[in-house]
Amino acid sequence: MEPNVLAQSRSSTLCLAQWKLTRKSKQPCVVGVLTRPATGEAAETNVYKDSWFDHIAINHLSKSIQAATGLSNSKSGYESLVEASTMASKEFNHIEQQQVVIEALDRAFPRPILLLIRTLLPPSKFAREYFALFTTFFFAWLVGPSQVRESEINGRSEKNVVHIKKCRFLEETNCTGMCINLCKMPSQSFIKDSLGMPVNMVPNFEDMSCEMIFGQDPPASTDDPALKQPCYKLCKAKKNHATDCLS
């Protein structure tokens, strides 16, 4: 497969009714491959021992994605979440993938609670640090272990960065396109629109780490380095479904 450039639309939103009617229209999510698989730390697979809370959260999000896509699977646990995401990447183009995840997140998180959080925590140093700390404690089941780090905002140091040592979702899917279209882009939009908090997710495709920088707007799609990354040669989505990220 010849390397190409990730096709990204400048349009950030698309009516769900429109994409459901046009879901057979496919556009590339990632158009290129690495000539070698990830090496070093990324080659070592973590083993997760999910608690009862983790299982509930994972299954809830998986069911929400399945409901949003209309594509069900019989798997359980994190495997079910990855399968639901992989099926979405296979059936929808990159804009539709982002929209379907946003719909799934709307299903997963009660809107009254999100509205309450947005009202109680308007953008501020406290809110940015609170979101960072909350993410490390309550979303390890989704992205893996993480820690809070500092960055500088308006000349002041704040603990507003979540550093994910090795993203569980990227490790399980081994797919750059799924990371971008089913995690980074929709999560940034959902958090900003639902909680009023801008966040920039910066994945590192060499070691599969990622940083979530609360209070920082992500760059435009034409300038975002993550959107210019090629796909892994040994993409699990391609292997499991006899297809590639391009369709």
C-alpha atoms as a PDB file:
ATOM      1  CA  MET A   1       0.000   0.000   0.000  1.00  0.00           C
ATOM      2  CA  GLU A   2       1.537   3.313  -1.070  1.00  0.00           C
ATOM      3  CA  PRO A   3       1.889   6.015   1.611  1.00  0.00           C
ATOM      4  CA  ASN A   4      -0.539   8.856   1.300  1.00  0.00           C
ATOM      5  CA  VAL A   5      -1.681  11.707   3.497  1.00  0.00           C
ATOM      6  CA  LEU A   6      -4.488  11.430   6.053  1.00  0.00           C
ATOM      7  CA  ALA A   7      -7.648  12.790   4.487  1.00  0.00           C
ATOM      8  CA  GLN A   8      -9.336  15.130   6.933  1.00  0.00           C
ATOM      9  CA  SER A   9     -12.387  17.284   6.292  1.00  0.00           C
ATOM     10  CA  ARG A  10     -12.389  20.877   7.514  1.00  0.00           C
ATOM     11  CA  SER A  11     -15.992  20.407   8.501  1.00  0.00           C
ATOM     12  CA  SER A  12     -16.096  19.547  12.225  1.00  0.00           C
ATOM     13  CA  THR A  13     -19.731  18.510  12.432  1.00  0.00           C
ATOM     14  CA  LEU A  14     -22.162  16.464  10.380  1.00  0.00           C
ATOM     15  CA  CYS A  15     -25.859  15.912  11.062  1.00  0.00           C
ATOM     16  CA  LEU A  16     -26.438  12.368  12.289  1.00  0.00           C
ATOM     17  CA  ALA A  17     -29.409  12.000   9.998  1.00  0.00           C
ATOM     18  CA  GLN A  18     -27.220  12.822   7.025  1.00  0.00           C
ATOM     19  CA  TRP A  19     -24.419  10.425   7.863  1.00  0.00           C
ATOM     20  CA  LYS A  20     -26.815   7.594   8.644  1.00  0.00           C
ATOM     21  CA  LEU A  21     -28.341   8.005   5.190  1.00  0.00           C
ATOM     22  CA  THR A  22     -24.916   8.132   3.556  1.00  0.00           C
ATOM     23  CA  ARG A  23     -23.026   5.632   5.703  1.00  0.00           C
ATOM     24  CA  LYS A  24     -22.091   3.557   2.656  1.00  0.00           C
ATOM     25  CA  SER A  25     -20.012   6.447   1.360  1.00  0.00           C
ATOM     26  CA  LYS A  26     -16.514   5.636   2.546  1.00  0.00           C
ATOM     27  CA  GLN A  27     -13.603   8.034   2.976  1.00  0.00           C
ATOM     28  CA  PRO A  28     -10.089   7.190   4.138  1.00  0.00           C
ATOM     29  CA  CYS A  29      -9.358   7.415   7.842  1.00  0.00           C
ATOM     30  CA  VAL A  30      -5.609   6.898   7.487  1.00  0.00           C
ATOM     31  CA  VAL A  31      -3.736   6.626   4.240  1.00  0.00           C
ATOM     32  CA  GLY A  32      -0.301   5.193   4.802  1.00  0.00           C
ATOM     33  CA  VAL A  33       1.642   2.547   6.685  1.00  0.00           C
ATOM     34  CA  LEU A  34       4.753   2.389   8.769  1.00  0.00           C
ATOM     35  CA  THR A  35       7.412   0.187   7.224  1.00  0.00           C
ATOM     36  CA  ARG A  36       7.894  -1.453  10.620  1.00  0.00           C
ATOM     37  CA  PRO A  37       5.684  -2.125  13.641  1.00  0.00           C
ATOM     38  CA  ALA A  38       6.074  -0.129  16.822  1.00  0.00           C
ATOM     39  CA  THR A  39       9.194  -1.129  18.733  1.00  0.00           C
ATOM     40  CA  GLY A  40      10.671  -0.692  22.197  1.00  0.00           C
ATOM     41  CA  GLU A  41       8.133  -0.127  24.937  1.00  0.00           C
ATOM     42  CA  ALA A  42       5.256  -0.200  22.467  1.00  0.00           C
ATOM     43  CA  ALA A  43       6.118  -3.808  21.588  1.00  0.00           C
ATOM     44  CA  GLU A  44       5.481  -4.958  25.167  1.00  0.00           C
ATOM     45  CA  THR A  45       1.814  -5.665  25.779  1.00  0.00           C
ATOM     46  CA  ASN A  46       0.407  -4.690  29.162  1.00  0.00           C
ATOM     47  CA  VAL A  47      -1.830  -7.076  31.070  1.00  0.00           C
ATOM     48  CA  TYR A  48      -4.820  -5.452  32.770  1.00  0.00           C
ATOM     49  CA  LYS A  49      -6.731  -6.816  35.746  1.00  0.00           C
ATOM     50  CA  ASP A  50     -10.032  -4.975  35.520  1.00  0.00           C
ATOM     51  CA  SER A  51     -12.049  -4.495  38.704  1.00  0.00           C
ATOM     52  CA  TRP A  52     -15.822  -4.878  38.899  1.00  0.00           C
ATOM     53  CA  PHE A  53     -16.149  -1.117  38.388  1.00  0.00           C
ATOM     54  CA  ASP A  54     -13.872  -1.308  35.352  1.00  0.00           C
ATOM     55  CA  HIS A  55     -15.988  -4.075  33.826  1.00  0.00           C
ATOM     56  CA  ILE A  56     -19.193  -2.080  34.351  1.00  0.00           C
ATOM     57  CA  ALA A  57     -17.683   1.046  32.786  1.00  0.00           C
ATOM     58  CA  ILE A  58     -16.165  -0.837  29.836  1.00  0.00           C
ATOM     59  CA  ASN A  59     -19.371  -2.720  29.051  1.00  0.00           C
ATOM     60  CA  HIS A  60     -21.451   0.454  29.396  1.00  0.00           C
ATOM     61  CA  LEU A  61     -19.310   2.331  26.874  1.00  0.00           C
ATOM     62  CA  SER A  62     -19.187  -0.672  24.536  1.00  0.00           C
ATOM     63  CA  LYS A  63     -22.985  -0.980  24.583  1.00  0.00           C
ATOM     64  CA  SER A  64     -23.301   2.756  23.954  1.00  0.00           C
ATOM     65  CA  ILE A  65     -21.104   2.492  20.859  1.00  0.00           C
ATOM     66  CA  GLN A  66     -23.006  -0.547  19.649  1.00  0.00           C
ATOM     67  CA  ALA A  67     -26.312   1.293  20.096  1.00  0.00           C
ATOM     68  CA  ALA A  68     -25.001   4.345  18.235  1.00  0.00           C
ATOM     69  CA  THR A  69     -23.669   2.307  15.326  1.00  0.00           C
ATOM     70  CA  GLY A  70     -26.397  -0.331  15.205  1.00  0.00           C
ATOM     71  CA  LEU A  71     -23.615  -2.949  15.104  1.00  0.00           C
ATOM     72  CA  SER A  72     -23.623  -5.440  17.971  1.00  0.00           C
ATOM     73  CA  ASN A  73     -21.106  -8.082  18.998  1.00  0.00           C
ATOM     74  CA  SER A  74     -21.100 -11.000  21.413  1.00  0.00           C
ATOM     75  CA  LYS A  75     -17.732 -10.319  23.036  1.00  0.00           C
ATOM     76  CA  SER A  76     -17.296  -9.059  26.600  1.00  0.00           C
ATOM     77  CA  GLY A  77     -14.996  -6.747  28.510  1.00  0.00           C
ATOM     78  CA  TYR A  78     -12.420  -4.598  26.746  1.00  0.00           C
ATOM     79  CA  GLU A  79     -12.476  -7.006  23.819  1.00  0.00           C
ATOM     80  CA  SER A  80     -16.090  -6.013  23.216  1.00  0.00           C
ATOM     81  CA  LEU A  81     -15.184  -2.304  23.267  1.00  0.00           C
ATOM     82  CA  VAL A  82     -12.376  -2.847  20.768  1.00  0.00           C
ATOM     83  CA  GLU A  83     -14.640  -4.951  18.548  1.00  0.00           C
ATOM     84  CA  ALA A  84     -17.367  -2.294  18.592  1.00  0.00           C
ATOM     85  CA  SER A  85     -14.805   0.366  17.688  1.00  0.00           C
ATOM     86  CA  THR A  86     -13.235  -1.763  14.964  1.00  0.00           C
ATOM     87  CA  MET A  87     -16.610  -2.448  13.379  1.00  0.00           C
ATOM     88  CA  ALA A  88     -17.347   1.284  13.393  1.00  0.00           C
ATOM     89  CA  SER A  89     -14.020   1.997  11.684  1.00  0.00           C
ATOM     90  CA  LYS A  90     -14.872  -0.587   9.047  1.00  0.00           C
ATOM     91  CA  GLU A  91     -18.419   0.593   8.339  1.00  0.00           C
ATOM     92  CA  PHE A  92     -18.115   4.403   8.513  1.00  0.00           C
ATOM     93  CA  ASN A  93     -15.891   7.028   6.977  1.00  0.00           C
ATOM     94  CA  HIS A  94     -13.705   9.154   9.254  1.00  0.00           C
ATOM     95  CA  ILE A  95     -16.247  11.957   9.776  1.00  0.00           C
ATOM     96  CA  GLU A  96     -19.009   9.470  10.543  1.00  0.00           C
ATOM     97  CA  GLN A  97     -16.744   7.640  13.008  1.00  0.00           C
ATOM     98  CA  GLN A  98     -16.215  10.827  14.972  1.00  0.00           C
ATOM     99  CA  GLN A  99     -19.938  11.587  15.000  1.00  0.00           C
ATOM    100  CA  VAL A 100     -20.921   8.098  16.089  1.00  0.00           C
ATOM    101  CA  VAL A 101     -18.516   8.239  19.056  1.00  0.00           C
ATOM    102  CA  ILE A 102     -19.933  11.614  20.086  1.00  0.00           C
ATOM    103  CA  GLU A 103     -23.418  10.093  19.972  1.00  0.00           C
ATOM    104  CA  ALA A 104     -22.178   7.130  22.030  1.00  0.00           C
ATOM    105  CA  LEU A 105     -20.680   9.462  24.641  1.00  0.00           C
ATOM    106  CA  ASP A 106     -23.964  11.356  24.791  1.00  0.00           C
ATOM    107  CA  ARG A 107     -25.646   8.033  25.545  1.00  0.00           C
ATOM    108  CA  ALA A 108     -23.020   6.995  28.091  1.00  0.00           C
ATOM    109  CA  PHE A 109     -22.952  10.169  30.193  1.00  0.00           C
ATOM    110  CA  PRO A 110     -26.251  11.693  31.441  1.00  0.00           C
ATOM    111  CA  ARG A 111     -26.581  15.221  30.073  1.00  0.00           C
ATOM    112  CA  PRO A 112     -27.977  16.697  33.345  1.00  0.00           C
ATOM    113  CA  ILE A 113     -24.816  15.607  35.161  1.00  0.00           C
ATOM    114  CA  LEU A 114     -22.599  17.089  32.461  1.00  0.00           C
ATOM    115  CA  LEU A 115     -24.563  20.337  32.609  1.00  0.00           C
ATOM    116  CA  LEU A 116     -24.173  20.440  36.392  1.00  0.00           C
ATOM    117  CA  ILE A 117     -20.412  19.909  36.119  1.00  0.00           C
ATOM    118  CA  ARG A 118     -20.159  22.629  33.482  1.00  0.00           C
ATOM    119  CA  THR A 119     -22.094  25.030  35.730  1.00  0.00           C
ATOM    120  CA  LEU A 120     -20.073  24.273  38.857  1.00  0.00           C
ATOM    121  CA  LEU A 121     -16.707  24.203  37.113  1.00  0.00           C
ATOM    122  CA  PRO A 122     -16.362  27.076  34.645  1.00  0.00           C
ATOM    123  CA  PRO A 123     -12.921  27.351  33.004  1.00  0.00           C
ATOM    124  CA  SER A 124     -10.325  28.164  35.662  1.00  0.00           C
ATOM    125  CA  LYS A 125      -7.065  26.870  37.102  1.00  0.00           C
ATOM    126  CA  PHE A 126      -9.023  24.825  39.630  1.00  0.00           C
ATOM    127  CA  ALA A 127     -11.265  23.308  36.929  1.00  0.00           C
ATOM    128  CA  ARG A 128      -8.335  22.384  34.686  1.00  0.00           C
ATOM    129  CA  GLU A 129      -6.479  20.706  37.526  1.00  0.00           C
ATOM    130  CA  TYR A 130      -9.657  18.997  38.733  1.00  0.00           C
ATOM    131  CA  PHE A 131     -10.368  17.493  35.296  1.00  0.00           C
ATOM    132  CA  ALA A 132      -6.785  16.247  35.039  1.00  0.00           C
ATOM    133  CA  LEU A 133      -6.891  14.605  38.472  1.00  0.00           C
ATOM    134  CA  PHE A 134     -10.365  13.150  37.875  1.00  0.00           C
ATOM    135  CA  THR A 135      -9.245  11.602  34.582  1.00  0.00           C
ATOM    136  CA  THR A 136      -6.265   9.813  36.142  1.00  0.00           C
ATOM    137  CA  PHE A 137      -8.461   8.276  38.855  1.00  0.00           C
ATOM    138  CA  PHE A 138     -11.595   7.315  36.963  1.00  0.00           C
ATOM    139  CA  PHE A 139     -10.559   6.556  33.387  1.00  0.00           C
ATOM    140  CA  ALA A 140      -7.623   4.188  33.840  1.00  0.00           C
ATOM    141  CA  TRP A 141      -9.955   1.393  32.673  1.00  0.00           C
ATOM    142  CA  LEU A 142     -10.184   3.093  29.281  1.00  0.00           C
ATOM    143  CA  VAL A 143      -6.708   4.479  28.599  1.00  0.00           C
ATOM    144  CA  GLY A 144      -4.454   2.730  31.101  1.00  0.00           C
ATOM    145  CA  PRO A 145      -2.387   4.117  34.012  1.00  0.00           C
ATOM    146  CA  SER A 146      -1.679   7.835  33.889  1.00  0.00           C
ATOM    147  CA  GLN A 147      -0.287  10.626  36.016  1.00  0.00           C
ATOM    148  CA  VAL A 148      -0.789  14.360  36.373  1.00  0.00           C
ATOM    149  CA  ARG A 149       1.931  16.617  35.021  1.00  0.00           C
ATOM    150  CA  GLU A 150       2.476  20.349  34.887  1.00  0.00           C
ATOM    151  CA  SER A 151       2.366  22.789  32.013  1.00  0.00           C
ATOM    152  CA  GLU A 152       2.432  26.538  31.721  1.00  0.00           C
ATOM    153  CA  ILE A 153      -0.736  28.548  31.053  1.00  0.00           C
ATOM    154  CA  ASN A 154      -0.614  32.315  30.863  1.00  0.00           C
ATOM    155  CA  GLY A 155       2.808  32.312  32.453  1.00  0.00           C
ATOM    156  CA  ARG A 156       1.739  30.170  35.419  1.00  0.00           C
ATOM    157  CA  SER A 157       2.478  26.539  36.167  1.00  0.00           C
ATOM    158  CA  GLU A 158      -0.581  24.309  36.489  1.00  0.00           C
ATOM    159  CA  LYS A 159      -1.126  20.588  37.033  1.00  0.00           C
ATOM    160  CA  ASN A 160      -3.470  20.350  34.059  1.00  0.00           C
ATOM    161  CA  VAL A 161      -1.842  17.606  31.968  1.00  0.00           C
ATOM    162  CA  VAL A 162      -2.705  13.903  32.036  1.00  0.00           C
ATOM    163  CA  HIS A 163       0.235  11.823  30.849  1.00  0.00           C
ATOM    164  CA  ILE A 164      -0.817   8.341  29.734  1.00  0.00           C
ATOM    165  CA  LYS A 165       2.284   6.169  29.705  1.00  0.00           C
ATOM    166  CA  LYS A 166       0.890   3.709  27.169  1.00  0.00           C
ATOM    167  CA  CYS A 167      -2.643   4.108  25.843  1.00  0.00           C
ATOM    168  CA  ARG A 168      -4.651   0.939  26.315  1.00  0.00           C
ATOM    169  CA  PHE A 169      -6.957   1.690  23.396  1.00  0.00           C
ATOM    170  CA  LEU A 170      -4.107   2.334  20.949  1.00  0.00           C
ATOM    171  CA  GLU A 171      -2.241  -0.717  22.225  1.00  0.00           C
ATOM    172  CA  GLU A 172      -5.278  -2.973  21.771  1.00  0.00           C
ATOM    173  CA  THR A 173      -6.251  -1.655  18.332  1.00  0.00           C
ATOM    174  CA  ASN A 174      -2.736  -0.932  17.046  1.00  0.00           C
ATOM    175  CA  CYS A 175      -4.451   1.420  14.599  1.00  0.00           C
ATOM    176  CA  THR A 176      -3.552   5.072  14.098  1.00  0.00           C
ATOM    177  CA  GLY A 177      -6.833   5.809  12.344  1.00  0.00           C
ATOM    178  CA  MET A 178      -8.945   4.412  15.200  1.00  0.00           C
ATOM    179  CA  CYS A 179      -6.931   6.449  17.709  1.00  0.00           C
ATOM    180  CA  ILE A 180      -7.564   9.638  15.760  1.00  0.00           C
ATOM    181  CA  ASN A 181     -11.147   9.131  14.595  1.00  0.00           C
ATOM    182  CA  LEU A 182     -12.604   7.103  17.466  1.00  0.00           C
ATOM    183  CA  CYS A 183     -10.767   8.693  20.390  1.00  0.00           C
ATOM    184  CA  LYS A 184      -8.795  11.911  19.915  1.00  0.00           C
ATOM    185  CA  MET A 185     -11.080  13.952  17.649  1.00  0.00           C
ATOM    186  CA  PRO A 186     -14.492  13.029  19.135  1.00  0.00           C
ATOM    187  CA  SER A 187     -13.210  13.229  22.741  1.00  0.00           C
ATOM    188  CA  GLN A 188     -11.844  16.718  22.180  1.00  0.00           C
ATOM    189  CA  SER A 189     -15.166  17.851  20.707  1.00  0.00           C
ATOM    190  CA  PHE A 190     -17.303  16.136  23.346  1.00  0.00           C
ATOM    191  CA  ILE A 191     -15.372  17.497  26.333  1.00  0.00           C
ATOM    192  CA  LYS A 192     -15.357  21.028  24.902  1.00  0.00           C
ATOM    193  CA  ASP A 193     -19.045  21.026  23.935  1.00  0.00           C
ATOM    194  CA  SER A 194     -20.380  19.184  27.001  1.00  0.00           C
ATOM    195  CA  LEU A 195     -18.156  20.523  29.766  1.00  0.00           C
ATOM    196  CA  GLY A 196     -16.963  23.796  28.273  1.00  0.00           C
ATOM    197  CA  MET A 197     -13.350  22.706  28.765  1.00  0.00           C
ATOM    198  CA  PRO A 198     -10.975  22.765  25.793  1.00  0.00           C
ATOM    199  CA  VAL A 199      -8.571  19.850  25.704  1.00  0.00           C
ATOM    200  CA  ASN A 200      -5.771  18.929  23.349  1.00  0.00           C
ATOM    201  CA  MET A 201      -4.968  15.236  23.069  1.00  0.00           C
ATOM    202  CA  VAL A 202      -1.431  14.627  21.843  1.00  0.00           C
ATOM    203  CA  PRO A 203      -0.733  10.969  21.017  1.00  0.00           C
ATOM    204  CA  ASN A 204       2.819   9.724  20.526  1.00  0.00           C
ATOM    205  CA  PHE A 205       2.670   6.925  17.974  1.00  0.00           C
ATOM    206  CA  GLU A 206       6.251   5.845  18.622  1.00  0.00           C
ATOM    207  CA  ASP A 207       5.766   4.706  22.229  1.00  0.00           C
ATOM    208  CA  MET A 208       1.923   4.797  22.352  1.00  0.00           C
ATOM    209  CA  SER A 209       1.879   7.387  25.115  1.00  0.00           C
ATOM    210  CA  CYS A 210      -0.514  10.319  25.079  1.00  0.00           C
ATOM    211  CA  GLU A 211      -1.022  13.643  26.806  1.00  0.00           C
ATOM    212  CA  MET A 212      -4.354  15.320  27.520  1.00  0.00           C
ATOM    213  CA  ILE A 213      -3.762  19.022  28.044  1.00  0.00           C
ATOM    214  CA  PHE A 214      -6.804  20.599  29.696  1.00  0.00           C
ATOM    215  CA  GLY A 215      -7.334  24.255  28.925  1.00  0.00           C
ATOM    216  CA  GLN A 216      -5.505  24.093  25.594  1.00  0.00           C
ATOM    217  CA  ASP A 217      -7.393  24.209  22.296  1.00  0.00           C
ATOM    218  CA  PRO A 218      -6.225  21.588  19.791  1.00  0.00           C
ATOM    219  CA  PRO A 219      -4.602  22.856  16.599  1.00  0.00           C
ATOM    220  CA  ALA A 220      -6.606  23.093  13.404  1.00  0.00           C
ATOM    221  CA  SER A 221      -6.909  19.807  11.533  1.00  0.00           C
ATOM    222  CA  THR A 222      -4.594  21.122   8.820  1.00  0.00           C
ATOM    223  CA  ASP A 223      -1.881  21.828  11.407  1.00  0.00           C
ATOM    224  CA  ASP A 224      -2.307  18.925  13.828  1.00  0.00           C
ATOM    225  CA  PRO A 225       0.747  16.618  13.600  1.00  0.00           C
ATOM    226  CA  ALA A 226      -1.337  13.636  14.754  1.00  0.00           C
ATOM    227  CA  LEU A 227      -3.466  13.854  11.622  1.00  0.00           C
ATOM    228  CA  LYS A 228      -0.410  13.467   9.422  1.00  0.00           C
ATOM    229  CA  GLN A 229       0.769  10.193  10.942  1.00  0.00           C
ATOM    230  CA  PRO A 230       0.800   6.975   8.894  1.00  0.00           C
ATOM    231  CA  CYS A 231      -0.891   3.792  10.074  1.00  0.00           C
ATOM    232  CA  TYR A 232       0.951   0.900  11.684  1.00  0.00           C
ATOM    233  CA  LYS A 233       1.897  -1.831   9.214  1.00  0.00           C
ATOM    234  CA  LEU A 234       0.526  -4.526  11.534  1.00  0.00           C
ATOM    235  CA  CYS A 235      -2.811  -2.826  12.122  1.00  0.00           C
ATOM    236  CA  LYS A 236      -5.093  -5.153  14.093  1.00  0.00           C
ATOM    237  CA  ALA A 237      -8.205  -3.727  12.435  1.00  0.00           C
ATOM    238  CA  LYS A 238      -6.846  -4.845   9.077  1.00  0.00           C
ATOM    239  CA  LYS A 239      -5.767  -8.234  10.387  1.00  0.00           C
ATOM    240  CA  ASN A 240      -9.019  -9.089  12.180  1.00  0.00           C
ATOM    241  CA  HIS A 241     -11.391  -7.916   9.454  1.00  0.00           C
ATOM    242  CA  ALA A 242      -9.462  -8.587   6.256  1.00  0.00           C
ATOM    243  CA  THR A 243      -9.666  -4.944   5.299  1.00  0.00           C
ATOM    244  CA  ASP A 244      -7.603  -1.803   5.726  1.00  0.00           C
ATOM    245  CA  CYS A 245      -8.063   1.625   7.252  1.00  0.00           C
ATOM    246  CA  LEU A 246      -8.613   3.170   3.872  1.00  0.00           C
ATOM    247  CA  SER A 247     -12.157   1.958   3.206  1.00  0.00           C
END
